[in-house]
Amino acid sequence: MLNNILDFERPLLELAGKIKELQSFMDEKGIDLSEEINRLKERTENLQKEIYAGLNTKQVMQIARHQNRPTAEDYVQHIFDDFIELHGDRRFGDDPAILGGIGLIDHTAVTFLGHNKGKSTKENLKRNFGMAHPEGYRKALRLMKQAEKFNRPVVSFVNTPGAYPGIGAEERGQAEAIALNLMEMSDLRVPIIVIVTGEGGSGGALGIGLGDKIMMLEYCYYSVSSPEACAAILWKNSEKSSEAAEALKITAAPLQELGLIDQIIKEPAGGAHKDPAEMARTIKAVILSSIKDLSQCSTAELLERRYQKYRNIGRFSYDDQLIKPQDILKEEVD
């Protein structure tokens, strides 16, 4: 248990120990210490709020990577009334790093996709630590096209350090598999709801991460490169990862400000791993609300909104003015 306590949570652990000691002493001696215990509980709650309000990027990443953070399987169990897992890409094999299937949420049928990590070493080895192979992305595409055929919304949970970069994955077309998914998702004729639930690493995240609504849980990151990789590339020094993490702007608040995500989903006190059931209830409500909103659009409107969403991402400086890319293109056409 102690191994799962993050460094910045140590003061909370000490207070919890004091509360436990007082509770045991009160039970053993029959002395009423409830007032002191309540004061310590209030102090713990206030300290927790103070700590989590001031987290830096590296600390947010520690929560996003926490060993006990809910997996795709955890969310499936809590969110869906019924779920049928589907396997294989019909070309090479099945990839346990991506969980896919059909589920019911309050009588609404959806196609679900999610990077699937484990919590133990054995589970993580089986699922390759959530790092998908090409067959994982091809399985995801197969299920997305099936969703389009039967007019089911697609719900995608992103939680991966990145696509697997091994020789076998490259030989089987890792880059092509991700690129094809991006092309097909851009034109998929059903709503796509994407939620980053932990790590959002590089093209591995984008392979199932393009959608109409992009949301992030409060303590997640979404980045073209991990801070460790960025520091190694820029400074040849992994000790610079904290500096890289702050510069990359990869946590939920700056990404929403930049327009790269649409919504931040609040987590339970201390993170999703503290209360997975509560986190799942919150996510379920967000999914149902998003489906209701997107289902009001015609197919043409849905595709146009998605097109404009991605065309509007990004700014660059031109003659000391911040300009959107589509403004330059419009001038060239005119």
Protein backbone atom coordinates (compact mmCIF):
# COMPACT_ATOMS: atom_id res chain seq x y z
CA MET A 1 0.00 0.00 0.00
CA LEU A 2 2.81 2.41 0.95
CA ASN A 3 4.44 1.85 -2.44
CA ASN A 4 1.34 3.36 -4.08
CA ILE A 5 1.56 6.59 -2.06
CA LEU A 6 2.94 9.47 -4.10
CA ASP A 7 5.62 11.68 -2.58
CA PHE A 8 3.42 14.76 -2.34
CA GLU A 9 0.75 12.71 -0.53
CA ARG A 10 3.02 11.86 2.44
CA PRO A 11 1.58 14.60 4.71
CA LEU A 12 -1.90 13.15 4.14
CA LEU A 13 -0.63 9.68 5.03
CA GLU A 14 0.82 10.99 8.31
CA LEU A 15 -2.50 12.61 9.24
CA ALA A 16 -4.36 9.40 8.38
CA GLY A 17 -2.00 7.52 10.69
CA LYS A 18 -2.70 9.92 13.56
CA ILE A 19 -6.46 9.57 13.03
CA LYS A 20 -6.14 5.78 13.10
CA GLU A 21 -4.08 5.91 16.31
CA LEU A 22 -6.61 8.15 18.05
CA GLN A 23 -9.48 5.95 16.90
CA SER A 24 -7.76 2.82 18.27
CA PHE A 25 -6.93 4.55 21.56
CA MET A 26 -10.53 5.76 21.91
CA ASP A 27 -11.88 2.27 21.27
CA GLU A 28 -9.40 0.66 23.67
CA LYS A 29 -9.69 3.12 26.58
CA GLY A 30 -13.30 4.21 26.12
CA ILE A 31 -12.28 7.88 26.05
CA ASP A 32 -14.21 10.24 23.79
CA LEU A 33 -11.73 11.73 21.33
CA SER A 34 -14.26 12.36 18.56
CA GLU A 35 -13.68 16.11 18.63
CA GLU A 36 -9.93 15.72 18.08
CA ILE A 37 -10.53 13.12 15.36
CA ASN A 38 -13.00 15.38 13.55
CA ARG A 39 -10.49 18.25 13.68
CA LEU A 40 -7.83 16.03 12.12
CA LYS A 41 -10.26 14.84 9.43
CA GLU A 42 -11.13 18.44 8.58
CA ARG A 43 -7.43 19.32 8.50
CA THR A 44 -6.79 16.36 6.18
CA GLU A 45 -9.57 17.42 3.83
CA ASN A 46 -8.31 21.01 3.67
CA LEU A 47 -4.71 19.89 3.16
CA GLN A 48 -5.76 17.54 0.35
CA LYS A 49 -7.57 20.38 -1.43
CA GLU A 50 -4.52 22.62 -1.00
CA ILE A 51 -2.10 19.98 -2.32
CA TYR A 52 -4.18 19.04 -5.36
CA ALA A 53 -4.90 22.67 -6.23
CA GLY A 54 -1.17 23.32 -6.59
CA LEU A 55 0.04 20.26 -8.47
CA ASN A 56 2.75 20.77 -11.09
CA THR A 57 2.79 18.91 -14.39
CA LYS A 58 5.08 16.11 -13.20
CA GLN A 59 2.81 15.46 -10.22
CA VAL A 60 -0.25 15.31 -12.48
CA MET A 61 1.63 12.79 -14.60
CA GLN A 62 2.31 10.69 -11.50
CA ILE A 63 -1.43 10.49 -10.86
CA ALA A 64 -2.16 9.73 -14.53
CA ARG A 65 0.34 6.85 -14.36
CA HIS A 66 -0.74 5.60 -10.92
CA GLN A 67 -0.69 1.83 -10.62
CA ASN A 68 -4.25 1.74 -9.23
CA ARG A 69 -5.77 4.12 -11.77
CA PRO A 70 -8.97 2.58 -13.23
CA THR A 71 -8.43 0.62 -16.44
CA ALA A 72 -10.71 0.34 -19.45
CA GLU A 73 -12.05 -2.93 -18.00
CA ASP A 74 -12.86 -1.20 -14.71
CA TYR A 75 -14.87 1.47 -16.50
CA VAL A 76 -16.69 -1.10 -18.65
CA GLN A 77 -17.82 -2.93 -15.52
CA HIS A 78 -19.13 0.25 -13.90
CA ILE A 79 -20.57 2.12 -16.89
CA PHE A 80 -22.23 -0.48 -19.11
CA ASP A 81 -25.39 -2.38 -18.28
CA ASP A 82 -24.27 -5.08 -20.72
CA PHE A 83 -21.08 -5.49 -22.76
CA ILE A 84 -19.87 -7.91 -25.42
CA GLU A 85 -16.14 -7.85 -26.14
CA LEU A 86 -15.11 -8.36 -29.76
CA HIS A 87 -11.68 -9.62 -30.76
CA GLY A 88 -9.26 -9.55 -33.65
CA ASP A 89 -8.46 -7.45 -36.71
CA ARG A 90 -9.28 -10.25 -39.23
CA ARG A 91 -5.75 -9.90 -40.60
CA PHE A 92 -3.19 -10.91 -38.00
CA GLY A 93 -4.57 -11.43 -34.50
CA ASP A 94 -6.05 -9.89 -31.37
CA ASP A 95 -4.32 -7.18 -29.35
CA PRO A 96 -5.07 -7.21 -25.58
CA ALA A 97 -3.74 -3.64 -25.34
CA ILE A 98 -7.00 -2.39 -26.90
CA LEU A 99 -10.35 -3.42 -25.49
CA GLY A 100 -13.25 -3.17 -27.92
CA GLY A 101 -16.86 -4.21 -28.08
CA ILE A 102 -20.53 -3.27 -28.00
CA GLY A 103 -22.16 -2.01 -24.82
CA LEU A 104 -25.47 -0.73 -23.49
CA ILE A 105 -25.66 2.46 -21.43
CA ASP A 106 -29.20 3.12 -20.23
CA HIS A 107 -30.59 1.25 -23.28
CA THR A 108 -28.31 3.18 -25.66
CA ALA A 109 -26.06 0.94 -27.75
CA VAL A 110 -22.51 2.21 -28.33
CA THR A 111 -19.26 0.84 -29.70
CA PHE A 112 -16.56 1.10 -27.07
CA LEU A 113 -12.79 1.28 -27.60
CA GLY A 114 -10.15 1.73 -24.94
CA HIS A 115 -6.45 1.32 -24.29
CA ASN A 116 -6.30 -1.41 -21.68
CA LYS A 117 -3.53 -1.32 -19.08
CA GLY A 118 -3.11 -3.68 -16.16
CA LYS A 119 -2.56 -3.13 -12.44
CA SER A 120 -0.14 -5.98 -11.75
CA THR A 121 3.07 -6.85 -13.58
CA LYS A 122 1.43 -9.96 -15.00
CA GLU A 123 -1.55 -8.00 -16.36
CA ASN A 124 0.66 -5.29 -17.81
CA LEU A 125 2.85 -7.82 -19.58
CA LYS A 126 -0.26 -9.43 -21.06
CA ARG A 127 -1.56 -6.05 -22.27
CA ASN A 128 1.85 -4.64 -23.18
CA PHE A 129 1.36 -1.78 -20.70
CA GLY A 130 -1.43 -0.37 -22.86
CA MET A 131 0.88 0.08 -25.86
CA ALA A 132 -1.03 -1.15 -28.88
CA HIS A 133 0.31 -3.02 -31.91
CA PRO A 134 -0.96 -2.43 -35.48
CA GLU A 135 -3.53 -5.21 -35.06
CA GLY A 136 -4.96 -3.27 -32.11
CA TYR A 137 -5.57 -0.19 -34.23
CA ARG A 138 -6.94 -2.33 -37.06
CA LYS A 139 -9.30 -4.03 -34.62
CA ALA A 140 -10.43 -0.57 -33.49
CA LEU A 141 -11.02 0.49 -37.10
CA ARG A 142 -12.99 -2.68 -37.82
CA LEU A 143 -15.28 -1.93 -34.87
CA MET A 144 -15.64 1.72 -35.84
CA LYS A 145 -16.73 0.79 -39.35
CA GLN A 146 -19.16 -1.71 -37.84
CA ALA A 147 -20.53 1.10 -35.63
CA GLU A 148 -21.00 3.24 -38.72
CA LYS A 149 -22.89 0.43 -40.47
CA PHE A 150 -25.32 0.03 -37.56
CA ASN A 151 -25.44 3.74 -36.65
CA ARG A 152 -23.93 3.38 -33.17
CA PRO A 153 -21.96 6.19 -31.48
CA VAL A 154 -18.30 5.42 -30.78
CA VAL A 155 -16.92 5.97 -27.27
CA SER A 156 -13.13 5.87 -27.02
CA PHE A 157 -11.03 5.89 -23.81
CA VAL A 158 -7.39 6.92 -24.29
CA ASN A 159 -4.78 5.71 -21.79
CA THR A 160 -1.42 4.80 -23.31
CA PRO A 161 2.20 5.95 -23.09
CA GLY A 162 2.29 5.50 -26.88
CA ALA A 163 1.97 2.94 -29.64
CA TYR A 164 4.38 0.00 -29.30
CA PRO A 165 7.62 0.85 -31.16
CA GLY A 166 8.98 -2.69 -31.48
CA ILE A 167 10.41 -4.22 -34.66
CA GLY A 168 7.43 -6.55 -35.15
CA ALA A 169 4.98 -3.67 -34.85
CA GLU A 170 6.92 -1.66 -37.41
CA GLU A 171 7.12 -4.64 -39.76
CA ARG A 172 3.34 -5.02 -39.60
CA GLY A 173 2.75 -1.35 -40.42
CA GLN A 174 2.33 0.56 -37.15
CA ALA A 175 2.47 4.03 -38.71
CA GLU A 176 0.16 3.08 -41.58
CA ALA A 177 -2.40 1.58 -39.16
CA ILE A 178 -2.54 4.79 -37.09
CA ALA A 179 -2.63 7.03 -40.17
CA LEU A 180 -5.47 5.02 -41.69
CA ASN A 181 -7.46 5.29 -38.44
CA LEU A 182 -7.02 9.06 -38.46
CA MET A 183 -8.24 9.30 -42.04
CA GLU A 184 -11.24 7.04 -41.44
CA MET A 185 -12.22 8.66 -38.12
CA SER A 186 -12.18 12.10 -39.71
CA ASP A 187 -14.98 10.95 -42.02
CA LEU A 188 -16.84 8.42 -39.83
CA ARG A 189 -20.55 9.07 -40.15
CA VAL A 190 -21.46 8.54 -36.47
CA PRO A 191 -20.62 10.57 -33.33
CA ILE A 192 -17.21 9.92 -31.77
CA ILE A 193 -16.69 10.75 -28.10
CA VAL A 194 -13.10 10.61 -26.83
CA ILE A 195 -12.06 10.72 -23.18
CA VAL A 196 -8.44 10.73 -22.02
CA THR A 197 -8.53 8.73 -18.77
CA GLY A 198 -4.81 8.57 -17.97
CA GLU A 199 -1.87 8.95 -20.32
CA GLY A 200 -2.39 10.38 -23.79
CA GLY A 201 0.88 9.55 -25.46
CA SER A 202 1.69 10.60 -29.03
CA GLY A 203 0.29 8.81 -32.09
CA GLY A 204 -0.65 5.86 -29.91
CA ALA A 205 -3.31 8.05 -28.35
CA LEU A 206 -4.39 9.63 -31.64
CA GLY A 207 -4.95 6.22 -33.20
CA ILE A 208 -8.30 6.04 -31.38
CA GLY A 209 -8.42 9.69 -30.32
CA LEU A 210 -9.90 11.76 -33.14
CA GLY A 211 -13.51 12.73 -32.44
CA ASP A 212 -16.35 15.21 -32.18
CA LYS A 213 -15.89 15.76 -28.45
CA ILE A 214 -12.46 15.43 -26.85
CA MET A 215 -12.46 15.39 -23.07
CA MET A 216 -9.90 14.73 -20.34
CA LEU A 217 -10.14 13.66 -16.75
CA GLU A 218 -8.74 16.26 -14.38
CA TYR A 219 -5.41 14.55 -13.66
CA CYS A 220 -4.27 13.36 -17.08
CA TYR A 221 -1.85 14.44 -19.74
CA TYR A 222 -2.08 14.49 -23.54
CA SER A 223 1.11 15.07 -25.48
CA VAL A 224 2.93 14.59 -28.77
CA SER A 225 5.89 13.37 -26.72
CA SER A 226 6.49 12.34 -23.12
CA PRO A 227 8.51 14.88 -21.12
CA GLU A 228 11.22 12.24 -20.68
CA ALA A 229 11.53 11.77 -24.45
CA CYS A 230 11.39 15.53 -25.04
CA ALA A 231 14.19 16.16 -22.54
CA ALA A 232 16.30 13.41 -24.11
CA ILE A 233 15.83 14.94 -27.57
CA LEU A 234 16.37 18.61 -26.67
CA TRP A 235 18.89 18.44 -23.85
CA LYS A 236 20.23 14.87 -24.05
CA ASN A 237 19.38 14.77 -20.34
CA SER A 238 16.34 13.02 -18.84
CA GLU A 239 16.78 15.04 -15.64
CA LYS A 240 15.34 17.98 -17.56
CA SER A 241 11.98 16.17 -17.85
CA SER A 242 10.29 18.43 -15.26
CA GLU A 243 11.28 21.50 -17.27
CA ALA A 244 10.06 19.84 -20.46
CA ALA A 245 6.76 18.86 -18.81
CA GLU A 246 5.96 22.48 -17.90
CA ALA A 247 6.97 23.79 -21.35
CA LEU A 248 4.86 21.26 -23.26
CA LYS A 249 1.52 22.37 -21.70
CA ILE A 250 0.20 18.82 -21.64
CA THR A 251 -2.28 18.88 -18.75
CA ALA A 252 -6.02 19.45 -19.02
CA ALA A 253 -6.32 23.17 -18.18
CA PRO A 254 -3.77 24.54 -20.72
CA LEU A 255 -5.02 22.13 -23.40
CA GLN A 256 -8.57 23.37 -22.94
CA GLU A 257 -7.34 26.97 -23.08
CA LEU A 258 -5.54 26.17 -26.35
CA GLY A 259 -8.70 24.61 -27.79
CA LEU A 260 -7.27 21.12 -28.11
CA ILE A 261 -9.84 19.59 -25.78
CA ASP A 262 -13.46 20.53 -25.19
CA GLN A 263 -14.08 19.65 -21.55
CA ILE A 264 -12.34 18.74 -18.29
CA ILE A 265 -14.06 16.03 -16.24
CA LYS A 266 -13.57 16.51 -12.51
CA GLU A 267 -12.10 13.59 -10.58
CA PRO A 268 -12.90 12.46 -7.01
CA ALA A 269 -10.72 13.94 -4.27
CA GLY A 270 -7.24 12.49 -4.66
CA GLY A 271 -7.80 11.16 -8.19
CA ALA A 272 -9.91 8.58 -10.01
CA HIS A 273 -8.12 5.67 -8.30
CA LYS A 274 -9.47 6.80 -4.92
CA ASP A 275 -13.08 6.13 -5.98
CA PRO A 276 -13.41 4.37 -9.36
CA ALA A 277 -17.17 3.88 -8.96
CA GLU A 278 -17.77 7.61 -8.47
CA MET A 279 -15.49 8.42 -11.40
CA ALA A 280 -17.39 5.98 -13.59
CA ARG A 281 -20.73 7.55 -12.64
CA THR A 282 -19.42 10.98 -13.63
CA ILE A 283 -18.07 9.68 -16.94
CA LYS A 284 -21.34 7.86 -17.68
CA ALA A 285 -23.32 11.08 -17.26
CA VAL A 286 -20.88 12.93 -19.55
CA ILE A 287 -21.14 10.23 -22.23
CA LEU A 288 -24.95 10.25 -22.21
CA SER A 289 -25.02 14.05 -22.35
CA SER A 290 -22.56 14.07 -25.27
CA ILE A 291 -24.53 11.44 -27.20
CA LYS A 292 -27.71 13.46 -26.72
CA ASP A 293 -26.00 16.62 -27.97
CA LEU A 294 -24.35 15.03 -31.00
CA SER A 295 -27.39 12.97 -32.01
CA GLN A 296 -29.25 16.19 -32.72
CA CYS A 297 -26.94 16.85 -35.69
CA SER A 298 -27.57 15.43 -39.13
CA THR A 299 -24.73 13.41 -40.63
CA ALA A 300 -23.72 16.34 -42.82
CA GLU A 301 -23.71 18.71 -39.84
CA LEU A 302 -21.74 16.24 -37.74
CA LEU A 303 -19.01 15.88 -40.37
CA GLU A 304 -18.86 19.63 -41.00
CA ARG A 305 -18.53 20.35 -37.26
CA ARG A 306 -15.75 17.79 -36.98
CA TYR A 307 -13.98 19.27 -40.01
CA GLN A 308 -14.19 22.81 -38.64
CA LYS A 309 -13.13 21.66 -35.18
CA TYR A 310 -9.79 20.41 -36.45
CA ARG A 311 -9.30 23.21 -38.96
CA ASN A 312 -9.62 25.71 -36.11
CA ILE A 313 -6.86 24.14 -34.04
CA GLY A 314 -3.60 26.06 -34.01
CA ARG A 315 -2.28 29.60 -34.33
CA PHE A 316 0.90 31.02 -35.79
CA SER A 317 2.53 34.43 -35.87
CA TYR A 318 2.64 36.33 -39.17
CA ASP A 319 3.86 39.94 -39.25
CA ASP A 320 3.38 40.12 -35.45
CA GLN A 321 -0.23 38.97 -35.73
CA LEU A 322 -1.72 35.70 -34.51
CA ILE A 323 -3.47 34.08 -37.45
CA LYS A 324 -5.45 30.87 -37.91
CA PRO A 325 -4.27 28.56 -40.72
CA GLN A 326 -7.65 28.59 -42.46
CA ASP A 327 -7.54 32.41 -42.70
CA ILE A 328 -4.37 32.20 -44.80
CA LEU A 329 -5.90 29.48 -46.98
CA LYS A 330 -9.03 31.58 -47.47
CA GLU A 331 -6.94 34.55 -48.63
CA GLU A 332 -5.10 32.33 -51.13
CA VAL A 333 -8.40 30.97 -52.52
CA ASP A 334 -9.88 34.47 -52.80
